Full PDB file with SEQRES, HELIX, SHEET, SSBOND, CRYST1, ORIGX, SCALE, CONECT and MASTER records, all heavy atoms in Angstrom:
SEQRES   1 A   38  ALA GLU GLY VAL ASP ARG LEU GLY ILE ALA VAL ARG PHE          
SEQRES   2 A   38  PRO ALA GLY LEU ALA SER GLU CYS VAL ASP ASP ALA SER          
SEQRES   3 A   38  GLY ASP ARG LEU ASP ALA VAL LEU CYS LEU ALA GLN              
HELIX    1 AA1 LEU A   17  ASP A   23  1                                   7    
HELIX    2 AA2 ASP A   28  ALA A   37  1                                  10    
CRYST1    1.000    1.000    1.000  90.00  90.00  90.00 P 1           1          
ORIGX1      1.000000  0.000000  0.000000        0.00000                         
ORIGX2      0.000000  1.000000  0.000000        0.00000                         
ORIGX3      0.000000  0.000000  1.000000        0.00000                         
SCALE1      1.000000  0.000000  0.000000        0.00000                         
SCALE2      0.000000  1.000000  0.000000        0.00000                         
SCALE3      0.000000  0.000000  1.000000        0.00000                         
ATOM      1  N   ALA A   1     194.837 141.396  86.326  1.00  0.00           N  
ATOM      2  CA  ALA A   1     196.122 141.802  85.762  1.00  0.00           C  
ATOM      3  C   ALA A   1     196.208 143.316  85.585  1.00  0.00           C  
ATOM      4  O   ALA A   1     197.291 143.909  85.702  1.00  0.00           O  
ATOM      5  CB  ALA A   1     196.351 141.092  84.419  1.00  0.00           C  
ATOM      6  N   GLU A   2     195.080 143.948  85.337  1.00  0.00           N  
ATOM      7  CA  GLU A   2     195.066 145.392  85.124  1.00  0.00           C  
ATOM      8  C   GLU A   2     194.856 146.168  86.427  1.00  0.00           C  
ATOM      9  O   GLU A   2     194.979 147.408  86.438  1.00  0.00           O  
ATOM     10  CB  GLU A   2     193.959 145.758  84.122  1.00  0.00           C  
ATOM     11  CG  GLU A   2     194.210 145.201  82.731  1.00  0.00           C  
ATOM     12  CD  GLU A   2     193.010 145.381  81.816  1.00  0.00           C  
ATOM     13  OE1 GLU A   2     192.047 146.081  82.241  1.00  0.00           O  
ATOM     14  OE2 GLU A   2     193.016 144.824  80.703  1.00  0.00           O  
ATOM     15  N   GLY A   3     194.511 145.465  87.491  1.00  0.00           N  
ATOM     16  CA  GLY A   3     194.304 146.131  88.771  1.00  0.00           C  
ATOM     17  C   GLY A   3     193.039 146.948  88.836  1.00  0.00           C  
ATOM     18  O   GLY A   3     192.974 147.946  89.556  1.00  0.00           O  
ATOM     19  N   VAL A   4     192.013 146.522  88.114  1.00  0.00           N  
ATOM     20  CA  VAL A   4     190.768 147.290  88.095  1.00  0.00           C  
ATOM     21  C   VAL A   4     189.707 146.676  89.003  1.00  0.00           C  
ATOM     22  O   VAL A   4     188.545 147.089  88.978  1.00  0.00           O  
ATOM     23  CB  VAL A   4     190.207 147.409  86.652  1.00  0.00           C  
ATOM     24  CG1 VAL A   4     191.169 148.163  85.777  1.00  0.00           C  
ATOM     25  CG2 VAL A   4     189.902 146.030  86.072  1.00  0.00           C  
ATOM     26  N   ASP A   5     190.083 145.685  89.819  1.00  0.00           N  
ATOM     27  CA  ASP A   5     189.128 145.106  90.756  1.00  0.00           C  
ATOM     28  C   ASP A   5     188.939 146.046  91.936  1.00  0.00           C  
ATOM     29  O   ASP A   5     189.617 147.067  92.062  1.00  0.00           O  
ATOM     30  CB  ASP A   5     189.634 143.739  91.235  1.00  0.00           C  
ATOM     31  CG  ASP A   5     190.957 143.870  91.968  1.00  0.00           C  
ATOM     32  OD1 ASP A   5     192.024 143.823  91.321  1.00  0.00           O  
ATOM     33  OD2 ASP A   5     190.925 144.057  93.199  1.00  0.00           O  
ATOM     34  N   ARG A   6     188.025 145.708  92.845  1.00  0.00           N  
ATOM     35  CA  ARG A   6     187.681 146.609  93.951  1.00  0.00           C  
ATOM     36  C   ARG A   6     188.822 146.760  94.955  1.00  0.00           C  
ATOM     37  O   ARG A   6     188.819 147.685  95.770  1.00  0.00           O  
ATOM     38  CB  ARG A   6     186.416 146.127  94.673  1.00  0.00           C  
ATOM     39  CG  ARG A   6     186.565 144.798  95.342  1.00  0.00           C  
ATOM     40  CD  ARG A   6     185.337 144.301  96.116  1.00  0.00           C  
ATOM     41  NE  ARG A   6     184.092 144.974  95.944  1.00  0.00           N  
ATOM     42  CZ  ARG A   6     182.909 144.360  95.726  1.00  0.00           C  
ATOM     43  NH1 ARG A   6     182.883 143.056  95.617  1.00  0.00           N  
ATOM     44  NH2 ARG A   6     181.812 145.046  95.627  1.00  0.00           N  
ATOM     45  N   LEU A   7     189.867 145.913  94.889  1.00  0.00           N  
ATOM     46  CA  LEU A   7     190.993 146.051  95.793  1.00  0.00           C  
ATOM     47  C   LEU A   7     192.065 146.976  95.249  1.00  0.00           C  
ATOM     48  O   LEU A   7     192.910 147.476  96.005  1.00  0.00           O  
ATOM     49  CB  LEU A   7     191.622 144.674  96.080  1.00  0.00           C  
ATOM     50  CG  LEU A   7     190.696 143.607  96.653  1.00  0.00           C  
ATOM     51  CD1 LEU A   7     191.494 142.355  96.985  1.00  0.00           C  
ATOM     52  CD2 LEU A   7     189.953 144.110  97.878  1.00  0.00           C  
ATOM     53  N   GLY A   8     192.054 147.204  93.939  1.00  0.00           N  
ATOM     54  CA  GLY A   8     193.052 148.081  93.337  1.00  0.00           C  
ATOM     55  C   GLY A   8     194.452 147.500  93.328  1.00  0.00           C  
ATOM     56  O   GLY A   8     195.436 148.243  93.340  1.00  0.00           O  
ATOM     57  N   ILE A   9     194.555 146.177  93.304  1.00  0.00           N  
ATOM     58  CA  ILE A   9     195.861 145.503  93.287  1.00  0.00           C  
ATOM     59  C   ILE A   9     196.041 144.804  91.952  1.00  0.00           C  
ATOM     60  O   ILE A   9     195.216 143.968  91.556  1.00  0.00           O  
ATOM     61  CB  ILE A   9     195.968 144.477  94.432  1.00  0.00           C  
ATOM     62  CG1 ILE A   9     195.891 145.179  95.790  1.00  0.00           C  
ATOM     63  CG2 ILE A   9     197.254 143.670  94.320  1.00  0.00           C  
ATOM     64  CD1 ILE A   9     195.857 144.233  96.974  1.00  0.00           C  
ATOM     65  N   ALA A  10     197.088 145.148  91.233  1.00  0.00           N  
ATOM     66  CA  ALA A  10     197.377 144.508  89.960  1.00  0.00           C  
ATOM     67  C   ALA A  10     198.174 143.228  90.192  1.00  0.00           C  
ATOM     68  O   ALA A  10     199.167 143.227  90.926  1.00  0.00           O  
ATOM     69  CB  ALA A  10     198.170 145.458  89.058  1.00  0.00           C  
ATOM     70  N   VAL A  11     197.726 142.147  89.586  1.00  0.00           N  
ATOM     71  CA  VAL A  11     198.379 140.840  89.728  1.00  0.00           C  
ATOM     72  C   VAL A  11     199.213 140.561  88.488  1.00  0.00           C  
ATOM     73  O   VAL A  11     198.722 140.666  87.363  1.00  0.00           O  
ATOM     74  CB  VAL A  11     197.346 139.717  89.930  1.00  0.00           C  
ATOM     75  CG1 VAL A  11     198.039 138.363  90.069  1.00  0.00           C  
ATOM     76  CG2 VAL A  11     196.466 139.991  91.138  1.00  0.00           C  
ATOM     77  N   ARG A  12     200.479 140.220  88.702  1.00  0.00           N  
ATOM     78  CA  ARG A  12     201.323 139.815  87.574  1.00  0.00           C  
ATOM     79  C   ARG A  12     201.301 138.292  87.474  1.00  0.00           C  
ATOM     80  O   ARG A  12     201.691 137.587  88.405  1.00  0.00           O  
ATOM     81  CB  ARG A  12     202.754 140.300  87.750  1.00  0.00           C  
ATOM     82  CG  ARG A  12     203.595 140.131  86.473  1.00  0.00           C  
ATOM     83  CD  ARG A  12     204.981 140.673  86.636  1.00  0.00           C  
ATOM     84  NE  ARG A  12     205.850 139.757  87.350  1.00  0.00           N  
ATOM     85  CZ  ARG A  12     206.473 138.709  86.769  1.00  0.00           C  
ATOM     86  NH1 ARG A  12     206.301 138.469  85.496  1.00  0.00           N  
ATOM     87  NH2 ARG A  12     207.240 137.930  87.494  1.00  0.00           N  
ATOM     88  N   PHE A  13     200.808 137.805  86.338  1.00  0.00           N  
ATOM     89  CA  PHE A  13     200.715 136.371  86.078  1.00  0.00           C  
ATOM     90  C   PHE A  13     201.913 135.945  85.237  1.00  0.00           C  
ATOM     91  O   PHE A  13     202.010 136.332  84.062  1.00  0.00           O  
ATOM     92  CB  PHE A  13     199.440 136.030  85.320  1.00  0.00           C  
ATOM     93  CG  PHE A  13     198.173 136.185  86.107  1.00  0.00           C  
ATOM     94  CD1 PHE A  13     197.534 137.419  86.189  1.00  0.00           C  
ATOM     95  CD2 PHE A  13     197.597 135.103  86.755  1.00  0.00           C  
ATOM     96  CE1 PHE A  13     196.355 137.569  86.910  1.00  0.00           C  
ATOM     97  CE2 PHE A  13     196.418 135.240  87.482  1.00  0.00           C  
ATOM     98  CZ  PHE A  13     195.792 136.477  87.555  1.00  0.00           C  
ATOM     99  N   PRO A  14     202.851 135.162  85.768  1.00  0.00           N  
ATOM    100  CA  PRO A  14     203.943 134.638  84.936  1.00  0.00           C  
ATOM    101  C   PRO A  14     203.395 133.782  83.806  1.00  0.00           C  
ATOM    102  O   PRO A  14     202.244 133.315  83.845  1.00  0.00           O  
ATOM    103  CB  PRO A  14     204.759 133.807  85.928  1.00  0.00           C  
ATOM    104  CG  PRO A  14     204.434 134.364  87.265  1.00  0.00           C  
ATOM    105  CD  PRO A  14     202.987 134.783  87.176  1.00  0.00           C  
ATOM    106  N   ALA A  15     204.224 133.566  82.825  1.00  0.00           N  
ATOM    107  CA  ALA A  15     203.810 132.808  81.636  1.00  0.00           C  
ATOM    108  C   ALA A  15     203.201 131.469  82.035  1.00  0.00           C  
ATOM    109  O   ALA A  15     203.778 130.698  82.802  1.00  0.00           O  
ATOM    110  CB  ALA A  15     205.016 132.582  80.723  1.00  0.00           C  
ATOM    111  N   GLY A  16     202.014 131.204  81.515  1.00  0.00           N  
ATOM    112  CA  GLY A  16     201.362 129.928  81.738  1.00  0.00           C  
ATOM    113  C   GLY A  16     200.387 129.923  82.902  1.00  0.00           C  
ATOM    114  O   GLY A  16     199.402 129.178  82.875  1.00  0.00           O  
ATOM    115  N   LEU A  17     200.611 130.734  83.926  1.00  0.00           N  
ATOM    116  CA  LEU A  17     199.739 130.677  85.094  1.00  0.00           C  
ATOM    117  C   LEU A  17     198.395 131.341  84.849  1.00  0.00           C  
ATOM    118  O   LEU A  17     197.382 130.917  85.404  1.00  0.00           O  
ATOM    119  CB  LEU A  17     200.440 131.302  86.303  1.00  0.00           C  
ATOM    120  CG  LEU A  17     201.687 130.577  86.809  1.00  0.00           C  
ATOM    121  CD1 LEU A  17     202.161 131.181  88.130  1.00  0.00           C  
ATOM    122  CD2 LEU A  17     201.430 129.076  86.983  1.00  0.00           C  
ATOM    123  N   ALA A  18     198.374 132.362  84.005  1.00  0.00           N  
ATOM    124  CA  ALA A  18     197.093 132.968  83.641  1.00  0.00           C  
ATOM    125  C   ALA A  18     196.234 131.949  82.887  1.00  0.00           C  
ATOM    126  O   ALA A  18     195.028 131.814  83.147  1.00  0.00           O  
ATOM    127  CB  ALA A  18     197.308 134.220  82.793  1.00  0.00           C  
ATOM    128  N   SER A  19     196.868 131.217  81.971  1.00  0.00           N  
ATOM    129  CA  SER A  19     196.133 130.197  81.213  1.00  0.00           C  
ATOM    130  C   SER A  19     195.621 129.088  82.122  1.00  0.00           C  
ATOM    131  O   SER A  19     194.515 128.567  81.931  1.00  0.00           O  
ATOM    132  CB  SER A  19     197.024 129.592  80.127  1.00  0.00           C  
ATOM    133  OG  SER A  19     197.378 130.574  79.174  1.00  0.00           O  
ATOM    134  N   GLU A  20     196.412 128.729  83.133  1.00  0.00           N  
ATOM    135  CA  GLU A  20     195.954 127.718  84.095  1.00  0.00           C  
ATOM    136  C   GLU A  20     194.674 128.170  84.781  1.00  0.00           C  
ATOM    137  O   GLU A  20     193.755 127.370  84.988  1.00  0.00           O  
ATOM    138  CB  GLU A  20     197.035 127.435  85.140  1.00  0.00           C  
ATOM    139  CG  GLU A  20     198.195 126.584  84.649  1.00  0.00           C  
ATOM    140  CD  GLU A  20     199.097 126.144  85.783  1.00  0.00           C  
ATOM    141  OE1 GLU A  20     198.571 125.892  86.897  1.00  0.00           O  
ATOM    142  OE2 GLU A  20     200.310 126.025  85.586  1.00  0.00           O  
ATOM    143  N   CYS A  21     194.608 129.440  85.143  1.00  0.00           N  
ATOM    144  CA  CYS A  21     193.416 129.958  85.816  1.00  0.00           C  
ATOM    145  C   CYS A  21     192.205 129.952  84.893  1.00  0.00           C  
ATOM    146  O   CYS A  21     191.090 129.642  85.312  1.00  0.00           O  
ATOM    147  CB  CYS A  21     193.670 131.377  86.324  1.00  0.00           C  
ATOM    148  SG  CYS A  21     194.846 131.474  87.684  1.00  0.00           S  
ATOM    149  N   VAL A  22     192.426 130.298  83.650  1.00  0.00           N  
ATOM    150  CA  VAL A  22     191.323 130.332  82.690  1.00  0.00           C  
ATOM    151  C   VAL A  22     190.879 128.919  82.315  1.00  0.00           C  
ATOM    152  O   VAL A  22     189.684 128.637  82.195  1.00  0.00           O  
ATOM    153  CB  VAL A  22     191.724 131.126  81.438  1.00  0.00           C  
ATOM    154  CG1 VAL A  22     190.626 131.047  80.372  1.00  0.00           C  
ATOM    155  CG2 VAL A  22     192.004 132.578  81.786  1.00  0.00           C  
ATOM    156  N   ASP A  23     191.839 128.014  82.177  1.00  0.00           N  
ATOM    157  CA  ASP A  23     191.529 126.659  81.717  1.00  0.00           C  
ATOM    158  C   ASP A  23     190.954 125.767  82.811  1.00  0.00           C  
ATOM    159  O   ASP A  23     190.321 124.744  82.513  1.00  0.00           O  
ATOM    160  CB  ASP A  23     192.791 125.991  81.149  1.00  0.00           C  
ATOM    161  CG  ASP A  23     193.279 126.654  79.876  1.00  0.00           C  
ATOM    162  OD1 ASP A  23     192.475 127.356  79.230  1.00  0.00           O  
ATOM    163  OD2 ASP A  23     194.470 126.493  79.537  1.00  0.00           O  
ATOM    164  N   ASP A  24     191.168 126.125  84.068  1.00  0.00           N  
ATOM    165  CA  ASP A  24     190.656 125.330  85.184  1.00  0.00           C  
ATOM    166  C   ASP A  24     189.171 125.600  85.327  1.00  0.00           C  
ATOM    167  O   ASP A  24     188.746 126.576  85.951  1.00  0.00           O  
ATOM    168  CB  ASP A  24     191.408 125.690  86.471  1.00  0.00           C  
ATOM    169  CG  ASP A  24     190.915 124.908  87.680  1.00  0.00           C  
ATOM    170  OD1 ASP A  24     190.063 124.007  87.515  1.00  0.00           O  
ATOM    171  OD2 ASP A  24     191.394 125.183  88.800  1.00  0.00           O  
ATOM    172  N   ALA A  25     188.338 124.707  84.764  1.00  0.00           N  
ATOM    173  CA  ALA A  25     186.895 124.939  84.729  1.00  0.00           C  
ATOM    174  C   ALA A  25     186.249 124.900  86.111  1.00  0.00           C  
ATOM    175  O   ALA A  25     185.170 125.470  86.314  1.00  0.00           O  
ATOM    176  CB  ALA A  25     186.230 123.910  83.821  1.00  0.00           C  
ATOM    177  N   SER A  26     186.898 124.254  87.075  1.00  0.00           N  
ATOM    178  CA  SER A  26     186.367 124.228  88.431  1.00  0.00           C  
ATOM    179  C   SER A  26     186.517 125.578  89.120  1.00  0.00           C  
ATOM    180  O   SER A  26     185.861 125.846  90.134  1.00  0.00           O  
ATOM    181  CB  SER A  26     187.074 123.158  89.262  1.00  0.00           C  
ATOM    182  OG  SER A  26     188.431 123.529  89.497  1.00  0.00           O  
ATOM    183  N   GLY A  27     187.393 126.416  88.594  1.00  0.00           N  
ATOM    184  CA  GLY A  27     187.643 127.725  89.185  1.00  0.00           C  
ATOM    185  C   GLY A  27     188.516 127.704  90.417  1.00  0.00           C  
ATOM    186  O   GLY A  27     188.729 128.745  91.045  1.00  0.00           O  
ATOM    187  N   ASP A  28     189.072 126.549  90.766  1.00  0.00           N  
ATOM    188  CA  ASP A  28     189.832 126.445  92.014  1.00  0.00           C  
ATOM    189  C   ASP A  28     191.103 127.297  91.990  1.00  0.00           C  
ATOM    190  O   ASP A  28     191.424 127.970  92.971  1.00  0.00           O  
ATOM    191  CB  ASP A  28     190.194 124.989  92.291  1.00  0.00           C  
ATOM    192  CG  ASP A  28     188.967 124.129  92.578  1.00  0.00           C  
ATOM    193  OD1 ASP A  28     187.896 124.708  92.852  1.00  0.00           O  
ATOM    194  OD2 ASP A  28     189.071 122.895  92.519  1.00  0.00           O  
ATOM    195  N   ARG A  29     191.835 127.260  90.884  1.00  0.00           N  
ATOM    196  CA  ARG A  29     193.051 128.068  90.812  1.00  0.00           C  
ATOM    197  C   ARG A  29     192.726 129.554  90.820  1.00  0.00           C  
ATOM    198  O   ARG A  29     193.404 130.336  91.496  1.00  0.00           O  
ATOM    199  CB  ARG A  29     193.854 127.693  89.560  1.00  0.00           C  
ATOM    200  CG  ARG A  29     194.586 126.354  89.681  1.00  0.00           C  
ATOM    201  CD  ARG A  29     195.199 125.945  88.359  1.00  0.00           C  
ATOM    202  NE  ARG A  29     196.018 124.743  88.472  1.00  0.00           N  
ATOM    203  CZ  ARG A  29     195.527 123.504  88.538  1.00  0.00           C  
ATOM    204  NH1 ARG A  29     194.205 123.311  88.518  1.00  0.00           N  
ATOM    205  NH2 ARG A  29     196.340 122.450  88.648  1.00  0.00           N  
ATOM    206  N   LEU A  30     191.692 129.939  90.097  1.00  0.00           N  
ATOM    207  CA  LEU A  30     191.315 131.350  90.069  1.00  0.00           C  
ATOM    208  C   LEU A  30     190.838 131.791  91.460  1.00  0.00           C  
ATOM    209  O   LEU A  30     191.183 132.882  91.918  1.00  0.00           O  
ATOM    210  CB  LEU A  30     190.229 131.579  89.025  1.00  0.00           C  
ATOM    211  CG  LEU A  30     189.715 133.021  88.884  1.00  0.00           C  
ATOM    212  CD1 LEU A  30     190.858 134.000  88.685  1.00  0.00           C  
ATOM    213  CD2 LEU A  30     188.718 133.106  87.732  1.00  0.00           C  
ATOM    214  N   ASP A  31     190.057 130.953  92.131  1.00  0.00           N  
ATOM    215  CA  ASP A  31     189.607 131.306  93.478  1.00  0.00           C  
ATOM    216  C   ASP A  31     190.793 131.468  94.423  1.00  0.00           C  
ATOM    217  O   ASP A  31     190.794 132.359  95.285  1.00  0.00           O  
ATOM    218  CB  ASP A  31     188.648 130.247  94.008  1.00  0.00           C  
ATOM    219  CG  ASP A  31     187.242 130.400  93.471  1.00  0.00           C  
ATOM    220  OD1 ASP A  31     186.954 131.431  92.831  1.00  0.00           O  
ATOM    221  OD2 ASP A  31     186.417 129.489  93.682  1.00  0.00           O  
ATOM    222  N   ALA A  32     191.808 130.622  94.277  1.00  0.00           N  
ATOM    223  CA  ALA A  32     193.000 130.756  95.118  1.00  0.00           C  
ATOM    224  C   ALA A  32     193.694 132.093  94.856  1.00  0.00           C  
ATOM    225  O   ALA A  32     194.184 132.742  95.796  1.00  0.00           O  
ATOM    226  CB  ALA A  32     193.946 129.586  94.875  1.00  0.00           C  
ATOM    227  N   VAL A  33     193.732 132.527  93.600  1.00  0.00           N  
ATOM    228  CA  VAL A  33     194.352 133.819  93.278  1.00  0.00           C  
ATOM    229  C   VAL A  33     193.527 134.965  93.851  1.00  0.00           C  
ATOM    230  O   VAL A  33     194.067 135.956  94.361  1.00  0.00           O  
ATOM    231  CB  VAL A  33     194.530 133.970  91.754  1.00  0.00           C  
ATOM    232  CG1 VAL A  33     195.010 135.373  91.400  1.00  0.00           C  
ATOM    233  CG2 VAL A  33     195.499 132.929  91.221  1.00  0.00           C  
ATOM    234  N   LEU A  34     192.202 134.857  93.789  1.00  0.00           N  
ATOM    235  CA  LEU A  34     191.348 135.891  94.376  1.00  0.00           C  
ATOM    236  C   LEU A  34     191.578 135.989  95.890  1.00  0.00           C  
ATOM    237  O   LEU A  34     191.637 137.094  96.452  1.00  0.00           O  
ATOM    238  CB  LEU A  34     189.884 135.580  94.076  1.00  0.00           C  
ATOM    239  CG  LEU A  34     189.472 135.726  92.598  1.00  0.00           C  
ATOM    240  CD1 LEU A  34     188.101 135.087  92.362  1.00  0.00           C  
ATOM    241  CD2 LEU A  34     189.457 137.180  92.166  1.00  0.00           C  
ATOM    242  N   CYS A  35     191.731 134.845  96.549  1.00  0.00           N  
ATOM    243  CA  CYS A  35     192.055 134.845  97.983  1.00  0.00           C  
ATOM    244  C   CYS A  35     193.435 135.438  98.223  1.00  0.00           C  
ATOM    245  O   CYS A  35     193.662 136.151  99.217  1.00  0.00           O  
ATOM    246  CB  CYS A  35     191.988 133.428  98.546  1.00  0.00           C  
ATOM    247  SG  CYS A  35     190.331 132.722  98.626  1.00  0.00           S  
ATOM    248  N   LEU A  36     194.362 135.159  97.327  1.00  0.00           N  
ATOM    249  CA  LEU A  36     195.710 135.733  97.424  1.00  0.00           C  
ATOM    250  C   LEU A  36     195.653 137.250  97.336  1.00  0.00           C  
ATOM    251  O   LEU A  36     196.361 137.958  98.079  1.00  0.00           O  
ATOM    252  CB  LEU A  36     196.590 135.158  96.307  1.00  0.00           C  
ATOM    253  CG  LEU A  36     197.997 135.751  96.165  1.00  0.00           C  
ATOM    254  CD1 LEU A  36     198.843 135.467  97.402  1.00  0.00           C  
ATOM    255  CD2 LEU A  36     198.669 135.185  94.902  1.00  0.00           C  
ATOM    256  N   ALA A  37     194.830 137.776  96.430  1.00  0.00           N  
ATOM    257  CA  ALA A  37     194.698 139.233  96.308  1.00  0.00           C  
ATOM    258  C   ALA A  37     194.132 139.837  97.590  1.00  0.00           C  
ATOM    259  O   ALA A  37     194.557 140.913  98.024  1.00  0.00           O  
ATOM    260  CB  ALA A  37     193.809 139.570  95.112  1.00  0.00           C  
ATOM    261  N   GLN A  38     193.183 139.156  98.224  1.00  0.00           N  
ATOM    262  CA  GLN A  38     192.651 139.652  99.491  1.00  0.00           C  
ATOM    263  C   GLN A  38     193.710 139.608 100.587  1.00  0.00           C  
ATOM    264  O   GLN A  38     193.783 140.507 101.437  1.00  0.00           O  
ATOM    265  CB  GLN A  38     191.417 138.837  99.888  1.00  0.00           C  
ATOM    266  CG  GLN A  38     190.204 139.128  98.998  1.00  0.00           C  
ATOM    267  CD  GLN A  38     189.008 138.271  99.350  1.00  0.00           C  
ATOM    268  OE1 GLN A  38     189.076 137.053  99.303  1.00  0.00           O  
ATOM    269  NE2 GLN A  38     187.903 138.924  99.688  1.00  0.00           N  
TER     270      GLN A  38                                                      
MASTER        0    0    0    2    0    0    0    6  269    1    0    3          
END                                                                             
């Protein structure tokens, strides 16, 4: 969200989607977002 990753791209998470990434213990949603940033 802050754009401090090695790609330098800030991601805007609409309401609720950030929590989905954090709450998904399998990491699948977060991994999909990381692929999206790439």
